[in-house]
Amino acid sequence: MSNKQEQKEFELKSINNLLGVHGNELSFLEKLEPEEMNMLRNKIILFMQDGQKEIWVPMAKVSKFMPNFLNAKVSEDILGPSIAANLSYHLHPKDAIGIAGHFSIKFFCDVLEHLVPEKIEAMINQSPFDLMRRAVNELLSRRNYFLIGSLIDYTPIDSVEKIARGIENLGELISITYNARDKARVLNLFKKFDDNKIYGVMVAGLNSNLSEEIKTIYEHADQELLDKTKKIIQGKDAKLLEKYNDMINHFDKD
């Protein structure tokens, strides 16, 4: 996939996620250039954060006078995930995480689905790993690979490594990495995988309908990882090696 097409796909998925749109309702946006789609996405984010600031800021101030468990209960039982998400933007990251720690994991993920990962980086950095792990497992059950990939872009790399090592379904690992914008950052972790896991990733990717996804991911790999992967496959599976070489020969990095 060309860099331009990859950027367009990311922007369209981001806009769909922001608006809670599923399917091809916004396919007409594909006519836009990546820069135009990015501008539209940023306008939507700006409106979501600041469009009703006169409401969210006072509500956020009120929450400071309530204990975290009570804020969580009011959010989950009365306000709902959309309002809770908007309030989060106007809370100190530590306070937002303190409240989120009292959410059920289902509601926490409902809230995450209304948030913009790039705008909550400080919250992500302060989130306990156990909360992140449980959130990833819940989002995996929803097959929301796009949100997991987007969150990983702003998650400390040591936590990303723990998450990656804990994902047993390698097809899911491929789908998450595919949806991360900074694929090269995740691929650096692939180098730390043992031979069996790298081989398993290639089997899962090249022998299934994930072949285009693994190709797009490996277009961001450096020569060290490309050579390491080839060497691993050479010693195990001649047919898979043929598919791997064919994938590399059809890279599109323009």
C-alpha atoms as a PDB file:
ATOM      1  CA  MET A   1       0.000   0.000   0.000  1.00  0.00           C
ATOM      2  CA  SER A   2       1.371   3.427  -0.900  1.00  0.00           C
ATOM      3  CA  ASN A   3       2.036   5.902   1.904  1.00  0.00           C
ATOM      4  CA  LYS A   4      -0.664   8.173   0.507  1.00  0.00           C
ATOM      5  CA  GLN A   5      -3.279   5.427   0.465  1.00  0.00           C
ATOM      6  CA  GLU A   6      -2.258   4.279   3.942  1.00  0.00           C
ATOM      7  CA  GLN A   7      -2.660   7.827   5.264  1.00  0.00           C
ATOM      8  CA  LYS A   8      -6.078   8.168   3.606  1.00  0.00           C
ATOM      9  CA  GLU A   9      -7.229   4.877   5.117  1.00  0.00           C
ATOM     10  CA  PHE A  10      -6.067   5.966   8.569  1.00  0.00           C
ATOM     11  CA  GLU A  11      -7.818   9.341   8.334  1.00  0.00           C
ATOM     12  CA  LEU A  12     -11.071   7.771   7.119  1.00  0.00           C
ATOM     13  CA  LYS A  13     -11.036   5.165   9.910  1.00  0.00           C
ATOM     14  CA  SER A  14     -10.319   7.935  12.423  1.00  0.00           C
ATOM     15  CA  ILE A  15     -13.273  10.026  11.220  1.00  0.00           C
ATOM     16  CA  ASN A  16     -15.547   6.956  11.267  1.00  0.00           C
ATOM     17  CA  ASN A  17     -14.424   6.203  14.820  1.00  0.00           C
ATOM     18  CA  LEU A  18     -14.967   9.802  15.965  1.00  0.00           C
ATOM     19  CA  LEU A  19     -18.502   9.886  14.573  1.00  0.00           C
ATOM     20  CA  GLY A  20     -19.406   6.317  15.547  1.00  0.00           C
ATOM     21  CA  VAL A  21     -20.003   5.435  11.910  1.00  0.00           C
ATOM     22  CA  HIS A  22     -19.804   1.839  10.685  1.00  0.00           C
ATOM     23  CA  GLY A  23     -19.690   0.514   7.158  1.00  0.00           C
ATOM     24  CA  ASN A  24     -19.298   2.695   4.072  1.00  0.00           C
ATOM     25  CA  GLU A  25     -21.503   5.650   5.001  1.00  0.00           C
ATOM     26  CA  LEU A  26     -18.606   8.084   4.604  1.00  0.00           C
ATOM     27  CA  SER A  27     -16.989   6.449   1.572  1.00  0.00           C
ATOM     28  CA  PHE A  28     -17.530   9.692  -0.370  1.00  0.00           C
ATOM     29  CA  LEU A  29     -14.694  11.192   1.698  1.00  0.00           C
ATOM     30  CA  GLU A  30     -12.249   8.967  -0.190  1.00  0.00           C
ATOM     31  CA  LYS A  31     -12.315  11.596  -2.939  1.00  0.00           C
ATOM     32  CA  LEU A  32     -10.443  13.959  -0.626  1.00  0.00           C
ATOM     33  CA  GLU A  33      -6.680  14.213  -0.365  1.00  0.00           C
ATOM     34  CA  PRO A  34      -5.087  12.937   2.890  1.00  0.00           C
ATOM     35  CA  GLU A  35      -4.333  16.504   3.980  1.00  0.00           C
ATOM     36  CA  GLU A  36      -7.982  17.492   3.487  1.00  0.00           C
ATOM     37  CA  MET A  37      -9.181  14.486   5.458  1.00  0.00           C
ATOM     38  CA  ASN A  38      -6.734  15.341   8.235  1.00  0.00           C
ATOM     39  CA  MET A  39      -8.065  18.902   8.328  1.00  0.00           C
ATOM     40  CA  LEU A  40     -11.639  17.593   8.600  1.00  0.00           C
ATOM     41  CA  ARG A  41     -10.660  15.183  11.383  1.00  0.00           C
ATOM     42  CA  ASN A  42      -8.969  17.965  13.353  1.00  0.00           C
ATOM     43  CA  LYS A  43     -12.043  20.199  12.976  1.00  0.00           C
ATOM     44  CA  ILE A  44     -14.230  17.419  14.369  1.00  0.00           C
ATOM     45  CA  ILE A  45     -11.831  16.885  17.292  1.00  0.00           C
ATOM     46  CA  LEU A  46     -11.729  20.603  18.030  1.00  0.00           C
ATOM     47  CA  PHE A  47     -15.516  20.806  18.057  1.00  0.00           C
ATOM     48  CA  MET A  48     -15.831  17.728  20.278  1.00  0.00           C
ATOM     49  CA  GLN A  49     -13.373  19.164  22.804  1.00  0.00           C
ATOM     50  CA  ASP A  50     -14.263  22.849  22.769  1.00  0.00           C
ATOM     51  CA  GLY A  51     -17.679  23.094  21.103  1.00  0.00           C
ATOM     52  CA  GLN A  52     -19.513  23.076  24.450  1.00  0.00           C
ATOM     53  CA  LYS A  53     -16.704  24.108  26.728  1.00  0.00           C
ATOM     54  CA  GLU A  54     -19.064  26.261  28.772  1.00  0.00           C
ATOM     55  CA  ILE A  55     -20.788  23.022  29.855  1.00  0.00           C
ATOM     56  CA  TRP A  56     -17.846  20.658  30.314  1.00  0.00           C
ATOM     57  CA  VAL A  57     -15.537  22.945  32.291  1.00  0.00           C
ATOM     58  CA  PRO A  58     -18.036  23.663  35.127  1.00  0.00           C
ATOM     59  CA  MET A  59     -19.012  19.985  35.263  1.00  0.00           C
ATOM     60  CA  ALA A  60     -15.360  19.017  35.546  1.00  0.00           C
ATOM     61  CA  LYS A  61     -14.914  21.489  38.417  1.00  0.00           C
ATOM     62  CA  VAL A  62     -17.914  20.025  40.261  1.00  0.00           C
ATOM     63  CA  SER A  63     -16.446  16.519  39.964  1.00  0.00           C
ATOM     64  CA  LYS A  64     -13.441  17.605  42.038  1.00  0.00           C
ATOM     65  CA  PHE A  65     -15.693  17.839  45.100  1.00  0.00           C
ATOM     66  CA  MET A  66     -16.851  14.229  44.738  1.00  0.00           C
ATOM     67  CA  PRO A  67     -14.892  11.059  45.556  1.00  0.00           C
ATOM     68  CA  ASN A  68     -13.696   9.056  42.558  1.00  0.00           C
ATOM     69  CA  PHE A  69     -15.987   6.097  43.196  1.00  0.00           C
ATOM     70  CA  LEU A  70     -19.014   8.409  43.241  1.00  0.00           C
ATOM     71  CA  ASN A  71     -17.915  10.214  40.063  1.00  0.00           C
ATOM     72  CA  ALA A  72     -17.559   6.803  38.438  1.00  0.00           C
ATOM     73  CA  LYS A  73     -21.014   5.671  39.546  1.00  0.00           C
ATOM     74  CA  VAL A  74     -22.667   8.896  38.321  1.00  0.00           C
ATOM     75  CA  SER A  75     -20.834   8.582  34.988  1.00  0.00           C
ATOM     76  CA  GLU A  76     -21.755   4.941  34.484  1.00  0.00           C
ATOM     77  CA  ASP A  77     -25.338   5.015  35.800  1.00  0.00           C
ATOM     78  CA  ILE A  78     -26.473   8.483  34.689  1.00  0.00           C
ATOM     79  CA  LEU A  79     -24.187  10.391  32.310  1.00  0.00           C
ATOM     80  CA  GLY A  80     -23.165   7.651  29.892  1.00  0.00           C
ATOM     81  CA  PRO A  81     -19.936   7.112  27.927  1.00  0.00           C
ATOM     82  CA  SER A  82     -20.173  10.089  25.558  1.00  0.00           C
ATOM     83  CA  ILE A  83     -20.544  12.673  28.335  1.00  0.00           C
ATOM     84  CA  ALA A  84     -17.930  10.904  30.482  1.00  0.00           C
ATOM     85  CA  ALA A  85     -15.510  11.034  27.544  1.00  0.00           C
ATOM     86  CA  ASN A  86     -16.037  14.757  26.981  1.00  0.00           C
ATOM     87  CA  LEU A  87     -15.573  15.460  30.684  1.00  0.00           C
ATOM     88  CA  SER A  88     -12.271  13.569  30.610  1.00  0.00           C
ATOM     89  CA  TYR A  89     -10.727  16.177  28.324  1.00  0.00           C
ATOM     90  CA  HIS A  90     -11.263  18.821  31.019  1.00  0.00           C
ATOM     91  CA  LEU A  91      -9.954  16.840  33.987  1.00  0.00           C
ATOM     92  CA  HIS A  92      -6.370  16.518  35.145  1.00  0.00           C
ATOM     93  CA  PRO A  93      -5.065  13.188  33.753  1.00  0.00           C
ATOM     94  CA  LYS A  94      -4.468  11.833  37.253  1.00  0.00           C
ATOM     95  CA  ASP A  95      -8.057  12.655  38.252  1.00  0.00           C
ATOM     96  CA  ALA A  96      -9.479  11.127  35.073  1.00  0.00           C
ATOM     97  CA  ILE A  97      -7.570   7.880  35.618  1.00  0.00           C
ATOM     98  CA  GLY A  98      -8.571   7.844  39.287  1.00  0.00           C
ATOM     99  CA  ILE A  99     -12.232   7.922  38.263  1.00  0.00           C
ATOM    100  CA  ALA A 100     -11.748   5.441  35.424  1.00  0.00           C
ATOM    101  CA  GLY A 101     -10.259   2.958  37.870  1.00  0.00           C
ATOM    102  CA  HIS A 102     -13.740   2.584  39.391  1.00  0.00           C
ATOM    103  CA  PHE A 103     -15.504   1.964  36.055  1.00  0.00           C
ATOM    104  CA  SER A 104     -16.523  -1.508  34.992  1.00  0.00           C
ATOM    105  CA  ILE A 105     -14.167  -2.578  32.197  1.00  0.00           C
ATOM    106  CA  LYS A 106     -17.080  -2.593  29.740  1.00  0.00           C
ATOM    107  CA  PHE A 107     -17.995   1.017  30.523  1.00  0.00           C
ATOM    108  CA  PHE A 108     -14.331   2.055  30.502  1.00  0.00           C
ATOM    109  CA  CYS A 109     -14.026   0.731  26.944  1.00  0.00           C
ATOM    110  CA  ASP A 110     -17.309   2.403  25.992  1.00  0.00           C
ATOM    111  CA  VAL A 111     -15.716   5.681  27.108  1.00  0.00           C
ATOM    112  CA  LEU A 112     -12.477   4.913  25.244  1.00  0.00           C
ATOM    113  CA  GLU A 113     -14.489   4.454  22.055  1.00  0.00           C
ATOM    114  CA  HIS A 114     -15.604   8.094  22.400  1.00  0.00           C
ATOM    115  CA  LEU A 115     -12.110   9.470  23.068  1.00  0.00           C
ATOM    116  CA  VAL A 116      -9.360  10.590  20.683  1.00  0.00           C
ATOM    117  CA  PRO A 117      -6.123   8.754  21.614  1.00  0.00           C
ATOM    118  CA  GLU A 118      -3.823  11.570  20.525  1.00  0.00           C
ATOM    119  CA  LYS A 119      -5.659  13.944  22.907  1.00  0.00           C
ATOM    120  CA  ILE A 120      -5.365  11.701  25.959  1.00  0.00           C
ATOM    121  CA  GLU A 121      -1.685  10.747  25.772  1.00  0.00           C
ATOM    122  CA  ALA A 122      -1.070  11.973  29.328  1.00  0.00           C
ATOM    123  CA  MET A 123      -3.923   9.791  30.595  1.00  0.00           C
ATOM    124  CA  ILE A 124      -2.594   6.778  28.711  1.00  0.00           C
ATOM    125  CA  ASN A 125       0.885   7.310  30.168  1.00  0.00           C
ATOM    126  CA  GLN A 126      -0.514   7.351  33.704  1.00  0.00           C
ATOM    127  CA  SER A 127      -2.830   4.363  33.302  1.00  0.00           C
ATOM    128  CA  PRO A 128      -1.947   1.283  35.383  1.00  0.00           C
ATOM    129  CA  PHE A 129      -0.844  -1.583  33.170  1.00  0.00           C
ATOM    130  CA  ASP A 130      -3.486  -3.934  34.561  1.00  0.00           C
ATOM    131  CA  LEU A 131      -6.214  -1.483  33.509  1.00  0.00           C
ATOM    132  CA  MET A 132      -4.707  -1.251  30.028  1.00  0.00           C
ATOM    133  CA  ARG A 133      -4.408  -5.028  29.753  1.00  0.00           C
ATOM    134  CA  ARG A 134      -8.039  -5.575  30.701  1.00  0.00           C
ATOM    135  CA  ALA A 135      -9.129  -2.824  28.306  1.00  0.00           C
ATOM    136  CA  VAL A 136      -7.201  -4.431  25.441  1.00  0.00           C
ATOM    137  CA  ASN A 137      -8.822  -7.804  26.176  1.00  0.00           C
ATOM    138  CA  GLU A 138     -12.283  -6.217  26.154  1.00  0.00           C
ATOM    139  CA  LEU A 139     -11.580  -4.324  22.920  1.00  0.00           C
ATOM    140  CA  LEU A 140     -10.254  -7.543  21.369  1.00  0.00           C
ATOM    141  CA  SER A 141     -13.572  -9.200  22.188  1.00  0.00           C
ATOM    142  CA  ARG A 142     -15.219  -6.332  20.286  1.00  0.00           C
ATOM    143  CA  ARG A 143     -12.717  -6.701  17.436  1.00  0.00           C
ATOM    144  CA  ASN A 144     -11.964  -2.998  17.695  1.00  0.00           C
ATOM    145  CA  TYR A 145      -8.436  -3.368  16.341  1.00  0.00           C
ATOM    146  CA  PHE A 146      -8.403   0.200  15.088  1.00  0.00           C
ATOM    147  CA  LEU A 147      -8.838   1.675  18.561  1.00  0.00           C
ATOM    148  CA  ILE A 148      -6.230  -0.641  20.101  1.00  0.00           C
ATOM    149  CA  GLY A 149      -3.756   0.251  17.354  1.00  0.00           C
ATOM    150  CA  SER A 150      -4.473   3.960  17.816  1.00  0.00           C
ATOM    151  CA  LEU A 151      -4.008   3.721  21.588  1.00  0.00           C
ATOM    152  CA  ILE A 152      -0.727   1.852  21.162  1.00  0.00           C
ATOM    153  CA  ASP A 153       0.683   4.800  19.217  1.00  0.00           C
ATOM    154  CA  TYR A 154       0.587   6.803  22.465  1.00  0.00           C
ATOM    155  CA  THR A 155       1.333   4.024  24.966  1.00  0.00           C
ATOM    156  CA  PRO A 156       4.807   3.724  26.574  1.00  0.00           C
ATOM    157  CA  ILE A 157       6.825   1.218  24.581  1.00  0.00           C
ATOM    158  CA  ASP A 158       7.493  -1.083  27.552  1.00  0.00           C
ATOM    159  CA  SER A 159       3.741  -1.451  28.055  1.00  0.00           C
ATOM    160  CA  VAL A 160       3.262  -2.062  24.334  1.00  0.00           C
ATOM    161  CA  GLU A 161       5.799  -4.877  24.552  1.00  0.00           C
ATOM    162  CA  LYS A 162       3.927  -6.495  27.459  1.00  0.00           C
ATOM    163  CA  ILE A 163       0.653  -6.194  25.579  1.00  0.00           C
ATOM    164  CA  ALA A 164       2.151  -7.675  22.408  1.00  0.00           C
ATOM    165  CA  ARG A 165       3.657 -10.613  24.277  1.00  0.00           C
ATOM    166  CA  GLY A 166       0.326 -11.308  25.948  1.00  0.00           C
ATOM    167  CA  ILE A 167      -1.636 -11.599  22.690  1.00  0.00           C
ATOM    168  CA  GLU A 168      -1.739 -15.281  21.792  1.00  0.00           C
ATOM    169  CA  ASN A 169      -3.849 -14.939  18.648  1.00  0.00           C
ATOM    170  CA  LEU A 170      -1.230 -13.790  16.141  1.00  0.00           C
ATOM    171  CA  GLY A 171      -3.887 -12.797  13.625  1.00  0.00           C
ATOM    172  CA  GLU A 172      -5.117 -10.264  16.173  1.00  0.00           C
ATOM    173  CA  LEU A 173      -1.568  -9.039  16.714  1.00  0.00           C
ATOM    174  CA  ILE A 174      -1.297  -8.438  12.973  1.00  0.00           C
ATOM    175  CA  SER A 175      -4.588  -6.528  12.864  1.00  0.00           C
ATOM    176  CA  ILE A 176      -3.567  -4.338  15.815  1.00  0.00           C
ATOM    177  CA  THR A 177      -0.163  -3.537  14.312  1.00  0.00           C
ATOM    178  CA  TYR A 178      -1.796  -2.805  10.959  1.00  0.00           C
ATOM    179  CA  ASN A 179      -4.004  -0.208  12.651  1.00  0.00           C
ATOM    180  CA  ALA A 180      -1.133   1.469  14.513  1.00  0.00           C
ATOM    181  CA  ARG A 181      -0.015   4.572  12.697  1.00  0.00           C
ATOM    182  CA  ASP A 182       3.628   4.221  13.771  1.00  0.00           C
ATOM    183  CA  LYS A 183       4.144   0.672  12.542  1.00  0.00           C
ATOM    184  CA  ALA A 184       7.938   0.958  12.612  1.00  0.00           C
ATOM    185  CA  ARG A 185       7.775   1.536  16.390  1.00  0.00           C
ATOM    186  CA  VAL A 186       5.848  -1.701  16.900  1.00  0.00           C
ATOM    187  CA  LEU A 187       8.076  -3.595  14.468  1.00  0.00           C
ATOM    188  CA  ASN A 188      11.082  -2.798  16.659  1.00  0.00           C
ATOM    189  CA  LEU A 189       9.410  -5.054  19.218  1.00  0.00           C
ATOM    190  CA  PHE A 190       9.094  -7.830  16.650  1.00  0.00           C
ATOM    191  CA  LYS A 191      12.884  -8.060  16.667  1.00  0.00           C
ATOM    192  CA  LYS A 192      12.695  -9.113  20.317  1.00  0.00           C
ATOM    193  CA  PHE A 193      10.282 -11.962  19.577  1.00  0.00           C
ATOM    194  CA  ASP A 194      11.689 -15.468  19.520  1.00  0.00           C
ATOM    195  CA  ASP A 195      11.924 -17.324  16.215  1.00  0.00           C
ATOM    196  CA  ASN A 196       8.732 -19.310  16.775  1.00  0.00           C
ATOM    197  CA  LYS A 197       6.640 -16.191  17.319  1.00  0.00           C
ATOM    198  CA  ILE A 198       7.984 -14.414  14.229  1.00  0.00           C
ATOM    199  CA  TYR A 199       7.395 -17.575  12.216  1.00  0.00           C
ATOM    200  CA  GLY A 200       3.880 -17.791  13.647  1.00  0.00           C
ATOM    201  CA  VAL A 201       3.174 -14.199  12.623  1.00  0.00           C
ATOM    202  CA  MET A 202       4.236 -14.999   9.062  1.00  0.00           C
ATOM    203  CA  VAL A 203       2.116 -18.154   8.971  1.00  0.00           C
ATOM    204  CA  ALA A 204      -0.893 -16.233  10.285  1.00  0.00           C
ATOM    205  CA  GLY A 205      -0.344 -13.395   7.836  1.00  0.00           C
ATOM    206  CA  LEU A 206       0.732 -15.040   4.603  1.00  0.00           C
ATOM    207  CA  ASN A 207      -1.585 -18.056   4.743  1.00  0.00           C
ATOM    208  CA  SER A 208      -4.808 -16.112   5.343  1.00  0.00           C
ATOM    209  CA  ASN A 209      -6.853 -13.096   4.353  1.00  0.00           C
ATOM    210  CA  LEU A 210      -4.399 -10.989   6.363  1.00  0.00           C
ATOM    211  CA  SER A 211      -1.771 -11.103   3.613  1.00  0.00           C
ATOM    212  CA  GLU A 212      -2.348  -7.475   2.582  1.00  0.00           C
ATOM    213  CA  GLU A 213      -2.172  -6.370   6.204  1.00  0.00           C
ATOM    214  CA  ILE A 214       1.143  -8.145   6.890  1.00  0.00           C
ATOM    215  CA  LYS A 215       2.511  -6.744   3.622  1.00  0.00           C
ATOM    216  CA  THR A 216       1.584  -3.191   4.619  1.00  0.00           C
ATOM    217  CA  ILE A 217       3.136  -3.731   8.063  1.00  0.00           C
ATOM    218  CA  TYR A 218       6.391  -5.136   6.702  1.00  0.00           C
ATOM    219  CA  GLU A 219       6.729  -2.265   4.251  1.00  0.00           C
ATOM    220  CA  HIS A 220       7.788  -0.334   7.370  1.00  0.00           C
ATOM    221  CA  ALA A 221      10.333  -2.951   8.493  1.00  0.00           C
ATOM    222  CA  ASP A 222      14.052  -2.222   8.376  1.00  0.00           C
ATOM    223  CA  GLN A 223      16.534  -4.507   6.657  1.00  0.00           C
ATOM    224  CA  GLU A 224      17.526  -6.171   9.925  1.00  0.00           C
ATOM    225  CA  LEU A 225      13.996  -7.441  10.568  1.00  0.00           C
ATOM    226  CA  LEU A 226      13.464  -8.395   6.925  1.00  0.00           C
ATOM    227  CA  ASP A 227      16.648 -10.483   6.939  1.00  0.00           C
ATOM    228  CA  LYS A 228      15.878 -12.026  10.331  1.00  0.00           C
ATOM    229  CA  THR A 229      12.383 -13.037   9.235  1.00  0.00           C
ATOM    230  CA  LYS A 230      13.663 -14.538   5.991  1.00  0.00           C
ATOM    231  CA  LYS A 231      16.312 -16.565   7.812  1.00  0.00           C
ATOM    232  CA  ILE A 232      13.716 -17.945  10.244  1.00  0.00           C
ATOM    233  CA  ILE A 233      11.362 -18.999   7.433  1.00  0.00           C
ATOM    234  CA  GLN A 234      14.179 -20.537   5.379  1.00  0.00           C
ATOM    235  CA  GLY A 235      14.814 -23.103   8.059  1.00  0.00           C
ATOM    236  CA  LYS A 236      11.163 -24.092   8.419  1.00  0.00           C
ATOM    237  CA  ASP A 237       8.967 -23.789   5.335  1.00  0.00           C
ATOM    238  CA  ALA A 238       9.984 -23.520   1.667  1.00  0.00           C
ATOM    239  CA  LYS A 239       6.449 -22.664   0.477  1.00  0.00           C
ATOM    240  CA  LEU A 240       6.093 -19.916   3.046  1.00  0.00           C
ATOM    241  CA  LEU A 241       9.497 -18.560   2.021  1.00  0.00           C
ATOM    242  CA  GLU A 242       8.232 -18.271  -1.544  1.00  0.00           C
ATOM    243  CA  LYS A 243       5.228 -16.241  -0.338  1.00  0.00           C
ATOM    244  CA  TYR A 244       7.485 -14.079   1.813  1.00  0.00           C
ATOM    245  CA  ASN A 245       9.842 -13.293  -1.060  1.00  0.00           C
ATOM    246  CA  ASP A 246       6.883 -12.515  -3.303  1.00  0.00           C
ATOM    247  CA  MET A 247       5.523 -10.137  -0.646  1.00  0.00           C
ATOM    248  CA  ILE A 248       8.841  -8.295  -0.392  1.00  0.00           C
ATOM    249  CA  ASN A 249       9.141  -8.027  -4.165  1.00  0.00           C
ATOM    250  CA  HIS A 250       5.775  -6.281  -4.314  1.00  0.00           C
ATOM    251  CA  PHE A 251       6.421  -3.677  -1.622  1.00  0.00           C
ATOM    252  CA  ASP A 252       5.018  -0.248  -2.401  1.00  0.00           C
ATOM    253  CA  LYS A 253       6.689   2.471  -0.344  1.00  0.00           C
ATOM    254  CA  ASP A 254       5.919   5.420  -2.587  1.00  0.00           C
END
